[in-house]
Amino acid sequence: LNDKILNSADEIRTKEIAASVHGLQVDPVIKRFDGKAQDPVTGRH
């Protein structure tokens, strides 16, 4: 869980910086989630 949270946080931060450089608005859906994980049963992220 910690690994997925860190990876997801970096990805979200990268997307926010890119959006600010290009003058774009960050997707509110992306801002609402601060972590990424994989379901051990189905394998889906």
ModelCIF file with pLDDT and N, C-alpha, C, O atoms, coordinates in Angstrom:
data_MODEL
#
_entry.id   MODEL 
#
_entity.id                         1 
_entity.type                       polymer 
_entity.pdbx_number_of_molecules   1 
#
_entity_poly.entity_id                      1 
_entity_poly.type                           'polypeptide(L)' 
_entity_poly.nstd_linkage                   no 
_entity_poly.nstd_monomer                   no 
_entity_poly.pdbx_seq_one_letter_code       LNDKILNSADEIRTKEIAASVHGLQVDPVIKRFDGKAQDPVTGRH 
_entity_poly.pdbx_seq_one_letter_code_can   LNDKILNSADEIRTKEIAASVHGLQVDPVIKRFDGKAQDPVTGRH 
_entity_poly.pdbx_strand_id                 A 
#
loop_
_entity_poly_seq.entity_id 
_entity_poly_seq.num 
_entity_poly_seq.mon_id 
_entity_poly_seq.hetero 
1 1  LEU n 
1 2  ASN n 
1 3  ASP n 
1 4  LYS n 
1 5  ILE n 
1 6  LEU n 
1 7  ASN n 
1 8  SER n 
1 9  ALA n 
1 10 ASP n 
1 11 GLU n 
1 12 ILE n 
1 13 ARG n 
1 14 THR n 
1 15 LYS n 
1 16 GLU n 
1 17 ILE n 
1 18 ALA n 
1 19 ALA n 
1 20 SER n 
1 21 VAL n 
1 22 HIS n 
1 23 GLY n 
1 24 LEU n 
1 25 GLN n 
1 26 VAL n 
1 27 ASP n 
1 28 PRO n 
1 29 VAL n 
1 30 ILE n 
1 31 LYS n 
1 32 ARG n 
1 33 PHE n 
1 34 ASP n 
1 35 GLY n 
1 36 LYS n 
1 37 ALA n 
1 38 GLN n 
1 39 ASP n 
1 40 PRO n 
1 41 VAL n 
1 42 THR n 
1 43 GLY n 
1 44 ARG n 
1 45 HIS n 
#
_struct_asym.id          A 
_struct_asym.entity_id   1 
#
loop_
_ma_qa_metric.id 
_ma_qa_metric.mode 
_ma_qa_metric.name 
_ma_qa_metric.software_group_id 
_ma_qa_metric.type 
1 global pLDDT . pLDDT 
2 local  pLDDT . pLDDT 
#
_ma_qa_metric_global.metric_id      1 
_ma_qa_metric_global.metric_value   60.82 
_ma_qa_metric_global.model_id       1 
_ma_qa_metric_global.ordinal_id     1 
#
loop_
_ma_qa_metric_local.label_asym_id 
_ma_qa_metric_local.label_comp_id 
_ma_qa_metric_local.label_seq_id 
_ma_qa_metric_local.metric_id 
_ma_qa_metric_local.metric_value 
_ma_qa_metric_local.model_id 
_ma_qa_metric_local.ordinal_id 
A LEU 1  2 45.00 1 1  
A ASN 2  2 46.00 1 2  
A ASP 3  2 46.00 1 3  
A LYS 4  2 45.00 1 4  
A ILE 5  2 46.00 1 5  
A LEU 6  2 43.00 1 6  
A ASN 7  2 49.00 1 7  
A SER 8  2 49.00 1 8  
A ALA 9  2 52.00 1 9  
A ASP 10 2 56.00 1 10 
A GLU 11 2 58.00 1 11 
A ILE 12 2 56.00 1 12 
A ARG 13 2 59.00 1 13 
A THR 14 2 60.00 1 14 
A LYS 15 2 58.00 1 15 
A GLU 16 2 58.00 1 16 
A ILE 17 2 57.00 1 17 
A ALA 18 2 56.00 1 18 
A ALA 19 2 55.00 1 19 
A SER 20 2 56.00 1 20 
A VAL 21 2 49.00 1 21 
A HIS 22 2 53.00 1 22 
A GLY 23 2 53.00 1 23 
A LEU 24 2 49.00 1 24 
A GLN 25 2 51.00 1 25 
A VAL 26 2 48.00 1 26 
A ASP 27 2 52.00 1 27 
A PRO 28 2 54.00 1 28 
A VAL 29 2 50.00 1 29 
A ILE 30 2 52.00 1 30 
A LYS 31 2 56.00 1 31 
A ARG 32 2 67.00 1 32 
A PHE 33 2 74.00 1 33 
A ASP 34 2 76.00 1 34 
A GLY 35 2 81.00 1 35 
A LYS 36 2 83.00 1 36 
A ALA 37 2 83.00 1 37 
A GLN 38 2 84.00 1 38 
A ASP 39 2 82.00 1 39 
A PRO 40 2 83.00 1 40 
A VAL 41 2 79.00 1 41 
A THR 42 2 81.00 1 42 
A GLY 43 2 80.00 1 43 
A ARG 44 2 84.00 1 44 
A HIS 45 2 83.00 1 45 
#
loop_
_atom_site.group_PDB 
_atom_site.id 
_atom_site.type_symbol 
_atom_site.label_atom_id 
_atom_site.label_alt_id 
_atom_site.label_comp_id 
_atom_site.label_asym_id 
_atom_site.label_entity_id 
_atom_site.label_seq_id 
_atom_site.pdbx_PDB_ins_code 
_atom_site.Cartn_x 
_atom_site.Cartn_y 
_atom_site.Cartn_z 
_atom_site.occupancy 
_atom_site.B_iso_or_equiv 
_atom_site.pdbx_formal_charge 
_atom_site.auth_seq_id 
_atom_site.auth_comp_id 
_atom_site.auth_asym_id 
_atom_site.auth_atom_id 
_atom_site.pdbx_PDB_model_num 
ATOM 1   N N  . LEU A 1 1  ? 0.825   -1.197  0.000   1.00 45.00 ? 1  LEU A N  1 
ATOM 2   C CA . LEU A 1 1  ? 0.000   0.000   0.000   1.00 45.00 ? 1  LEU A CA 1 
ATOM 3   C C  . LEU A 1 1  ? 0.865   1.254   0.000   1.00 45.00 ? 1  LEU A C  1 
ATOM 4   O O  . LEU A 1 1  ? 0.571   2.214   -0.712  1.00 45.00 ? 1  LEU A O  1 
ATOM 5   N N  . ASN A 1 2  ? 1.936   1.247   0.801   1.00 46.00 ? 2  ASN A N  1 
ATOM 6   C CA . ASN A 1 2  ? 2.813   2.417   0.870   1.00 46.00 ? 2  ASN A CA 1 
ATOM 7   C C  . ASN A 1 2  ? 3.473   2.672   -0.471  1.00 46.00 ? 2  ASN A C  1 
ATOM 8   O O  . ASN A 1 2  ? 3.571   3.816   -0.915  1.00 46.00 ? 2  ASN A O  1 
ATOM 9   N N  . ASP A 1 3  ? 3.936   1.581   -1.129  1.00 46.00 ? 3  ASP A N  1 
ATOM 10  C CA . ASP A 1 3  ? 4.566   1.737   -2.437  1.00 46.00 ? 3  ASP A CA 1 
ATOM 11  C C  . ASP A 1 3  ? 3.611   2.347   -3.433  1.00 46.00 ? 3  ASP A C  1 
ATOM 12  O O  . ASP A 1 3  ? 3.980   3.260   -4.171  1.00 46.00 ? 3  ASP A O  1 
ATOM 13  N N  . LYS A 1 4  ? 2.389   1.854   -3.464  1.00 45.00 ? 4  LYS A N  1 
ATOM 14  C CA . LYS A 1 4  ? 1.407   2.338   -4.413  1.00 45.00 ? 4  LYS A CA 1 
ATOM 15  C C  . LYS A 1 4  ? 1.059   3.773   -4.135  1.00 45.00 ? 4  LYS A C  1 
ATOM 16  O O  . LYS A 1 4  ? 0.846   4.559   -5.058  1.00 45.00 ? 4  LYS A O  1 
ATOM 17  N N  . ILE A 1 5  ? 0.997   4.132   -2.826  1.00 46.00 ? 5  ILE A N  1 
ATOM 18  C CA . ILE A 1 5  ? 0.674   5.523   -2.464  1.00 46.00 ? 5  ILE A CA 1 
ATOM 19  C C  . ILE A 1 5  ? 1.767   6.456   -2.938  1.00 46.00 ? 5  ILE A C  1 
ATOM 20  O O  . ILE A 1 5  ? 1.481   7.513   -3.501  1.00 46.00 ? 5  ILE A O  1 
ATOM 21  N N  . LEU A 1 6  ? 3.048   6.070   -2.713  1.00 43.00 ? 6  LEU A N  1 
ATOM 22  C CA . LEU A 1 6  ? 4.163   6.916   -3.125  1.00 43.00 ? 6  LEU A CA 1 
ATOM 23  C C  . LEU A 1 6  ? 4.171   7.086   -4.629  1.00 43.00 ? 6  LEU A C  1 
ATOM 24  O O  . LEU A 1 6  ? 4.280   8.206   -5.129  1.00 43.00 ? 6  LEU A O  1 
ATOM 25  N N  . ASN A 1 7  ? 4.057   5.981   -5.358  1.00 49.00 ? 7  ASN A N  1 
ATOM 26  C CA . ASN A 1 7  ? 4.061   6.049   -6.813  1.00 49.00 ? 7  ASN A CA 1 
ATOM 27  C C  . ASN A 1 7  ? 2.933   6.909   -7.321  1.00 49.00 ? 7  ASN A C  1 
ATOM 28  O O  . ASN A 1 7  ? 3.110   7.717   -8.233  1.00 49.00 ? 7  ASN A O  1 
ATOM 29  N N  . SER A 1 8  ? 1.765   6.730   -6.724  1.00 49.00 ? 8  SER A N  1 
ATOM 30  C CA . SER A 1 8  ? 0.621   7.497   -7.178  1.00 49.00 ? 8  SER A CA 1 
ATOM 31  C C  . SER A 1 8  ? 0.795   8.961   -6.861  1.00 49.00 ? 8  SER A C  1 
ATOM 32  O O  . SER A 1 8  ? 0.434   9.817   -7.668  1.00 49.00 ? 8  SER A O  1 
ATOM 33  N N  . ALA A 1 9  ? 1.342   9.266   -5.696  1.00 52.00 ? 9  ALA A N  1 
ATOM 34  C CA . ALA A 1 9  ? 1.551   10.670  -5.310  1.00 52.00 ? 9  ALA A CA 1 
ATOM 35  C C  . ALA A 1 9  ? 2.521   11.347  -6.269  1.00 52.00 ? 9  ALA A C  1 
ATOM 36  O O  . ALA A 1 9  ? 2.285   12.483  -6.680  1.00 52.00 ? 9  ALA A O  1 
ATOM 37  N N  . ASP A 1 10 ? 3.625   10.660  -6.639  1.00 56.00 ? 10 ASP A N  1 
ATOM 38  C CA . ASP A 1 10 ? 4.588   11.229  -7.573  1.00 56.00 ? 10 ASP A CA 1 
ATOM 39  C C  . ASP A 1 10 ? 3.935   11.480  -8.920  1.00 56.00 ? 10 ASP A C  1 
ATOM 40  O O  . ASP A 1 10 ? 4.119   12.530  -9.536  1.00 56.00 ? 10 ASP A O  1 
ATOM 41  N N  . GLU A 1 11 ? 3.156   10.478  -9.368  1.00 58.00 ? 11 GLU A N  1 
ATOM 42  C CA . GLU A 1 11 ? 2.498   10.639  -10.659 1.00 58.00 ? 11 GLU A CA 1 
ATOM 43  C C  . GLU A 1 11 ? 1.535   11.803  -10.636 1.00 58.00 ? 11 GLU A C  1 
ATOM 44  O O  . GLU A 1 11 ? 1.483   12.592  -11.579 1.00 58.00 ? 11 GLU A O  1 
ATOM 45  N N  . ILE A 1 12 ? 0.766   11.916  -9.553  1.00 56.00 ? 12 ILE A N  1 
ATOM 46  C CA . ILE A 1 12 ? -0.196  13.020  -9.462  1.00 56.00 ? 12 ILE A CA 1 
ATOM 47  C C  . ILE A 1 12 ? 0.523   14.359  -9.420  1.00 56.00 ? 12 ILE A C  1 
ATOM 48  O O  . ILE A 1 12 ? 0.094   15.338  -10.030 1.00 56.00 ? 12 ILE A O  1 
ATOM 49  N N  . ARG A 1 13 ? 1.658   14.374  -8.664  1.00 59.00 ? 13 ARG A N  1 
ATOM 50  C CA . ARG A 1 13 ? 2.420   15.647  -8.575  1.00 59.00 ? 13 ARG A CA 1 
ATOM 51  C C  . ARG A 1 13 ? 2.993   16.017  -9.942  1.00 59.00 ? 13 ARG A C  1 
ATOM 52  O O  . ARG A 1 13 ? 2.980   17.187  -10.323 1.00 59.00 ? 13 ARG A O  1 
ATOM 53  N N  . THR A 1 14 ? 3.490   15.039  -10.671 1.00 60.00 ? 14 THR A N  1 
ATOM 54  C CA . THR A 1 14 ? 4.040   15.283  -12.016 1.00 60.00 ? 14 THR A CA 1 
ATOM 55  C C  . THR A 1 14 ? 2.981   15.851  -12.935 1.00 60.00 ? 14 THR A C  1 
ATOM 56  O O  . THR A 1 14 ? 3.236   16.782  -13.698 1.00 60.00 ? 14 THR A O  1 
ATOM 57  N N  . LYS A 1 15 ? 1.742   15.259  -12.852 1.00 58.00 ? 15 LYS A N  1 
ATOM 58  C CA . LYS A 1 15 ? 0.653   15.748  -13.678 1.00 58.00 ? 15 LYS A CA 1 
ATOM 59  C C  . LYS A 1 15 ? 0.253   17.165  -13.298 1.00 58.00 ? 15 LYS A C  1 
ATOM 60  O O  . LYS A 1 15 ? -0.125  17.950  -14.167 1.00 58.00 ? 15 LYS A O  1 
ATOM 61  N N  . GLU A 1 16 ? 0.329   17.507  -12.018 1.00 58.00 ? 16 GLU A N  1 
ATOM 62  C CA . GLU A 1 16 ? -0.020  18.859  -11.590 1.00 58.00 ? 16 GLU A CA 1 
ATOM 63  C C  . GLU A 1 16 ? 1.001   19.876  -12.115 1.00 58.00 ? 16 GLU A C  1 
ATOM 64  O O  . GLU A 1 16 ? 0.626   20.954  -12.574 1.00 58.00 ? 16 GLU A O  1 
ATOM 65  N N  . ILE A 1 17 ? 2.326   19.520  -12.043 1.00 57.00 ? 17 ILE A N  1 
ATOM 66  C CA . ILE A 1 17 ? 3.366   20.447  -12.526 1.00 57.00 ? 17 ILE A CA 1 
ATOM 67  C C  . ILE A 1 17 ? 3.224   20.658  -14.018 1.00 57.00 ? 17 ILE A C  1 
ATOM 68  O O  . ILE A 1 17 ? 3.335   21.779  -14.517 1.00 57.00 ? 17 ILE A O  1 
ATOM 69  N N  . ALA A 1 18 ? 2.976   19.557  -14.730 1.00 56.00 ? 18 ALA A N  1 
ATOM 70  C CA . ALA A 1 18 ? 2.820   19.675  -16.182 1.00 56.00 ? 18 ALA A CA 1 
ATOM 71  C C  . ALA A 1 18 ? 1.632   20.533  -16.528 1.00 56.00 ? 18 ALA A C  1 
ATOM 72  O O  . ALA A 1 18 ? 1.679   21.318  -17.475 1.00 56.00 ? 18 ALA A O  1 
ATOM 73  N N  . ALA A 1 19 ? 0.605   20.396  -15.794 1.00 55.00 ? 19 ALA A N  1 
ATOM 74  C CA . ALA A 1 19 ? -0.601  21.174  -16.069 1.00 55.00 ? 19 ALA A CA 1 
ATOM 75  C C  . ALA A 1 19 ? -0.377  22.641  -15.797 1.00 55.00 ? 19 ALA A C  1 
ATOM 76  O O  . ALA A 1 19 ? -0.871  23.503  -16.524 1.00 55.00 ? 19 ALA A O  1 
ATOM 77  N N  . SER A 1 20 ? 0.394   22.931  -14.716 1.00 56.00 ? 20 SER A N  1 
ATOM 78  C CA . SER A 1 20 ? 0.646   24.342  -14.388 1.00 56.00 ? 20 SER A CA 1 
ATOM 79  C C  . SER A 1 20 ? 1.564   24.996  -15.412 1.00 56.00 ? 20 SER A C  1 
ATOM 80  O O  . SER A 1 20 ? 1.400   26.180  -15.707 1.00 56.00 ? 20 SER A O  1 
ATOM 81  N N  . VAL A 1 21 ? 2.551   24.238  -15.975 1.00 49.00 ? 21 VAL A N  1 
ATOM 82  C CA . VAL A 1 21 ? 3.476   24.801  -16.974 1.00 49.00 ? 21 VAL A CA 1 
ATOM 83  C C  . VAL A 1 21 ? 2.721   25.144  -18.234 1.00 49.00 ? 21 VAL A C  1 
ATOM 84  O O  . VAL A 1 21 ? 2.947   26.195  -18.833 1.00 49.00 ? 21 VAL A O  1 
ATOM 85  N N  . HIS A 1 22 ? 1.854   24.294  -18.628 1.00 53.00 ? 22 HIS A N  1 
ATOM 86  C CA . HIS A 1 22 ? 1.116   24.515  -19.865 1.00 53.00 ? 22 HIS A CA 1 
ATOM 87  C C  . HIS A 1 22 ? -0.126  25.343  -19.650 1.00 53.00 ? 22 HIS A C  1 
ATOM 88  O O  . HIS A 1 22 ? -0.861  25.622  -20.597 1.00 53.00 ? 22 HIS A O  1 
ATOM 89  N N  . GLY A 1 23 ? -0.374  25.743  -18.403 1.00 53.00 ? 23 GLY A N  1 
ATOM 90  C CA . GLY A 1 23 ? -1.545  26.591  -18.144 1.00 53.00 ? 23 GLY A CA 1 
ATOM 91  C C  . GLY A 1 23 ? -2.839  25.823  -18.164 1.00 53.00 ? 23 GLY A C  1 
ATOM 92  O O  . GLY A 1 23 ? -3.888  26.382  -18.484 1.00 53.00 ? 23 GLY A O  1 
ATOM 93  N N  . LEU A 1 24 ? -2.786  24.561  -17.830 1.00 49.00 ? 24 LEU A N  1 
ATOM 94  C CA . LEU A 1 24 ? -4.002  23.726  -17.840 1.00 49.00 ? 24 LEU A CA 1 
ATOM 95  C C  . LEU A 1 24 ? -4.506  23.497  -16.419 1.00 49.00 ? 24 LEU A C  1 
ATOM 96  O O  . LEU A 1 24 ? -3.778  23.635  -15.435 1.00 49.00 ? 24 LEU A O  1 
ATOM 97  N N  . GLN A 1 25 ? -5.770  23.146  -16.362 1.00 51.00 ? 25 GLN A N  1 
ATOM 98  C CA . GLN A 1 25 ? -6.394  22.873  -15.055 1.00 51.00 ? 25 GLN A CA 1 
ATOM 99  C C  . GLN A 1 25 ? -6.287  21.387  -14.739 1.00 51.00 ? 25 GLN A C  1 
ATOM 100 O O  . GLN A 1 25 ? -6.519  20.534  -15.597 1.00 51.00 ? 25 GLN A O  1 
ATOM 101 N N  . VAL A 1 26 ? -5.935  21.097  -13.505 1.00 48.00 ? 26 VAL A N  1 
ATOM 102 C CA . VAL A 1 26 ? -5.781  19.695  -13.100 1.00 48.00 ? 26 VAL A CA 1 
ATOM 103 C C  . VAL A 1 26 ? -7.159  19.044  -12.990 1.00 48.00 ? 26 VAL A C  1 
ATOM 104 O O  . VAL A 1 26 ? -8.119  19.629  -12.488 1.00 48.00 ? 26 VAL A O  1 
ATOM 105 N N  . ASP A 1 27 ? -7.208  17.812  -13.481 1.00 52.00 ? 27 ASP A N  1 
ATOM 106 C CA . ASP A 1 27 ? -8.477  17.051  -13.415 1.00 52.00 ? 27 ASP A CA 1 
ATOM 107 C C  . ASP A 1 27 ? -8.906  16.892  -11.960 1.00 52.00 ? 27 ASP A C  1 
ATOM 108 O O  . ASP A 1 27 ? -8.133  16.378  -11.152 1.00 52.00 ? 27 ASP A O  1 
ATOM 109 N N  . PRO A 1 28 ? -10.143 17.328  -11.598 1.00 54.00 ? 28 PRO A N  1 
ATOM 110 C CA . PRO A 1 28 ? -10.591 17.199  -10.191 1.00 54.00 ? 28 PRO A CA 1 
ATOM 111 C C  . PRO A 1 28 ? -10.679 15.754  -9.734  1.00 54.00 ? 28 PRO A C  1 
ATOM 112 O O  . PRO A 1 28 ? -10.595 15.446  -8.545  1.00 54.00 ? 28 PRO A O  1 
ATOM 113 N N  . VAL A 1 29 ? -10.848 14.890  -10.702 1.00 50.00 ? 29 VAL A N  1 
ATOM 114 C CA . VAL A 1 29 ? -10.899 13.479  -10.310 1.00 50.00 ? 29 VAL A CA 1 
ATOM 115 C C  . VAL A 1 29 ? -9.561  13.025  -9.813  1.00 50.00 ? 29 VAL A C  1 
ATOM 116 O O  . VAL A 1 29 ? -9.476  12.271  -8.844  1.00 50.00 ? 29 VAL A O  1 
ATOM 117 N N  . ILE A 1 30 ? -8.466  13.492  -10.489 1.00 52.00 ? 30 ILE A N  1 
ATOM 118 C CA . ILE A 1 30 ? -7.119  13.105  -10.084 1.00 52.00 ? 30 ILE A CA 1 
ATOM 119 C C  . ILE A 1 30 ? -6.797  13.695  -8.726  1.00 52.00 ? 30 ILE A C  1 
ATOM 120 O O  . ILE A 1 30 ? -6.112  13.064  -7.921  1.00 52.00 ? 30 ILE A O  1 
ATOM 121 N N  . LYS A 1 31 ? -7.277  14.883  -8.466  1.00 56.00 ? 31 LYS A N  1 
ATOM 122 C CA . LYS A 1 31 ? -6.967  15.530  -7.186  1.00 56.00 ? 31 LYS A CA 1 
ATOM 123 C C  . LYS A 1 31 ? -7.698  14.857  -6.035  1.00 56.00 ? 31 LYS A C  1 
ATOM 124 O O  . LYS A 1 31 ? -7.247  14.929  -4.892  1.00 56.00 ? 31 LYS A O  1 
ATOM 125 N N  . ARG A 1 32 ? -8.799  14.215  -6.315  1.00 67.00 ? 32 ARG A N  1 
ATOM 126 C CA . ARG A 1 32 ? -9.573  13.605  -5.252  1.00 67.00 ? 32 ARG A CA 1 
ATOM 127 C C  . ARG A 1 32 ? -8.920  12.345  -4.724  1.00 67.00 ? 32 ARG A C  1 
ATOM 128 O O  . ARG A 1 32 ? -9.200  11.948  -3.593  1.00 67.00 ? 32 ARG A O  1 
ATOM 129 N N  . PHE A 1 33 ? -8.048  11.690  -5.510  1.00 74.00 ? 33 PHE A N  1 
ATOM 130 C CA . PHE A 1 33 ? -7.390  10.455  -5.095  1.00 74.00 ? 33 PHE A CA 1 
ATOM 131 C C  . PHE A 1 33 ? -5.904  10.737  -4.896  1.00 74.00 ? 33 PHE A C  1 
ATOM 132 O O  . PHE A 1 33 ? -5.280  11.419  -5.709  1.00 74.00 ? 33 PHE A O  1 
ATOM 133 N N  . ASP A 1 34 ? -5.346  10.211  -3.814  1.00 76.00 ? 34 ASP A N  1 
ATOM 134 C CA . ASP A 1 34 ? -3.935  10.438  -3.513  1.00 76.00 ? 34 ASP A CA 1 
ATOM 135 C C  . ASP A 1 34 ? -3.147  9.134   -3.464  1.00 76.00 ? 34 ASP A C  1 
ATOM 136 O O  . ASP A 1 34 ? -2.027  9.113   -2.954  1.00 76.00 ? 34 ASP A O  1 
ATOM 137 N N  . GLY A 1 35 ? -3.700  8.070   -3.975  1.00 81.00 ? 35 GLY A N  1 
ATOM 138 C CA . GLY A 1 35 ? -2.991  6.794   -3.959  1.00 81.00 ? 35 GLY A CA 1 
ATOM 139 C C  . GLY A 1 35 ? -3.447  5.884   -5.062  1.00 81.00 ? 35 GLY A C  1 
ATOM 140 O O  . GLY A 1 35 ? -4.518  6.068   -5.639  1.00 81.00 ? 35 GLY A O  1 
ATOM 141 N N  . LYS A 1 36 ? -2.606  4.876   -5.358  1.00 83.00 ? 36 LYS A N  1 
ATOM 142 C CA . LYS A 1 36 ? -2.908  3.908   -6.393  1.00 83.00 ? 36 LYS A CA 1 
ATOM 143 C C  . LYS A 1 36 ? -2.568  2.523   -5.864  1.00 83.00 ? 36 LYS A C  1 
ATOM 144 O O  . LYS A 1 36 ? -1.531  2.345   -5.225  1.00 83.00 ? 36 LYS A O  1 
ATOM 145 N N  . ALA A 1 37 ? -3.439  1.526   -6.125  1.00 83.00 ? 37 ALA A N  1 
ATOM 146 C CA . ALA A 1 37 ? -3.208  0.167   -5.618  1.00 83.00 ? 37 ALA A CA 1 
ATOM 147 C C  . ALA A 1 37 ? -3.728  -0.842  -6.622  1.00 83.00 ? 37 ALA A C  1 
ATOM 148 O O  . ALA A 1 37 ? -4.430  -0.508  -7.576  1.00 83.00 ? 37 ALA A O  1 
ATOM 149 N N  . GLN A 1 38 ? -3.348  -2.119  -6.365  1.00 84.00 ? 38 GLN A N  1 
ATOM 150 C CA . GLN A 1 38 ? -3.758  -3.223  -7.235  1.00 84.00 ? 38 GLN A CA 1 
ATOM 151 C C  . GLN A 1 38 ? -4.570  -4.230  -6.428  1.00 84.00 ? 38 GLN A C  1 
ATOM 152 O O  . GLN A 1 38 ? -4.179  -4.627  -5.330  1.00 84.00 ? 38 GLN A O  1 
ATOM 153 N N  . ASP A 1 39 ? -5.707  -4.636  -6.991  1.00 82.00 ? 39 ASP A N  1 
ATOM 154 C CA . ASP A 1 39 ? -6.570  -5.628  -6.321  1.00 82.00 ? 39 ASP A CA 1 
ATOM 155 C C  . ASP A 1 39 ? -5.900  -6.986  -6.401  1.00 82.00 ? 39 ASP A C  1 
ATOM 156 O O  . ASP A 1 39 ? -5.644  -7.465  -7.506  1.00 82.00 ? 39 ASP A O  1 
ATOM 157 N N  . PRO A 1 40 ? -5.595  -7.648  -5.241  1.00 83.00 ? 40 PRO A N  1 
ATOM 158 C CA . PRO A 1 40 ? -4.906  -8.943  -5.267  1.00 83.00 ? 40 PRO A CA 1 
ATOM 159 C C  . PRO A 1 40 ? -5.757  -10.065 -5.840  1.00 83.00 ? 40 PRO A C  1 
ATOM 160 O O  . PRO A 1 40 ? -5.221  -11.111 -6.206  1.00 83.00 ? 40 PRO A O  1 
ATOM 161 N N  . VAL A 1 41 ? -7.068  -9.876  -5.926  1.00 79.00 ? 41 VAL A N  1 
ATOM 162 C CA . VAL A 1 41 ? -7.932  -10.942 -6.422  1.00 79.00 ? 41 VAL A CA 1 
ATOM 163 C C  . VAL A 1 41 ? -8.071  -10.859 -7.936  1.00 79.00 ? 41 VAL A C  1 
ATOM 164 O O  . VAL A 1 41 ? -7.856  -11.846 -8.639  1.00 79.00 ? 41 VAL A O  1 
ATOM 165 N N  . THR A 1 42 ? -8.432  -9.670  -8.440  1.00 81.00 ? 42 THR A N  1 
ATOM 166 C CA . THR A 1 42 ? -8.662  -9.517  -9.881  1.00 81.00 ? 42 THR A CA 1 
ATOM 167 C C  . THR A 1 42 ? -7.434  -9.039  -10.629 1.00 81.00 ? 42 THR A C  1 
ATOM 168 O O  . THR A 1 42 ? -7.339  -9.222  -11.842 1.00 81.00 ? 42 THR A O  1 
ATOM 169 N N  . GLY A 1 43 ? -6.475  -8.417  -9.910  1.00 80.00 ? 43 GLY A N  1 
ATOM 170 C CA . GLY A 1 43 ? -5.279  -7.908  -10.567 1.00 80.00 ? 43 GLY A CA 1 
ATOM 171 C C  . GLY A 1 43 ? -5.452  -6.533  -11.177 1.00 80.00 ? 43 GLY A C  1 
ATOM 172 O O  . GLY A 1 43 ? -4.516  -5.996  -11.769 1.00 80.00 ? 43 GLY A O  1 
ATOM 173 N N  . ARG A 1 44 ? -6.635  -5.957  -11.041 1.00 84.00 ? 44 ARG A N  1 
ATOM 174 C CA . ARG A 1 44 ? -6.900  -4.638  -11.616 1.00 84.00 ? 44 ARG A CA 1 
ATOM 175 C C  . ARG A 1 44 ? -6.342  -3.537  -10.703 1.00 84.00 ? 44 ARG A C  1 
ATOM 176 O O  . ARG A 1 44 ? -6.254  -3.716  -9.488  1.00 84.00 ? 44 ARG A O  1 
ATOM 177 N N  . HIS A 1 45 ? -5.960  -2.379  -11.311 1.00 83.00 ? 45 HIS A N  1 
ATOM 178 C CA . HIS A 1 45 ? -5.458  -1.226  -10.564 1.00 83.00 ? 45 HIS A CA 1 
ATOM 179 C C  . HIS A 1 45 ? -6.592  -0.256  -10.310 1.00 83.00 ? 45 HIS A C  1 
ATOM 180 O O  . HIS A 1 45 ? -6.384  0.789   -9.693  1.00 83.00 ? 45 HIS A O  1 
#
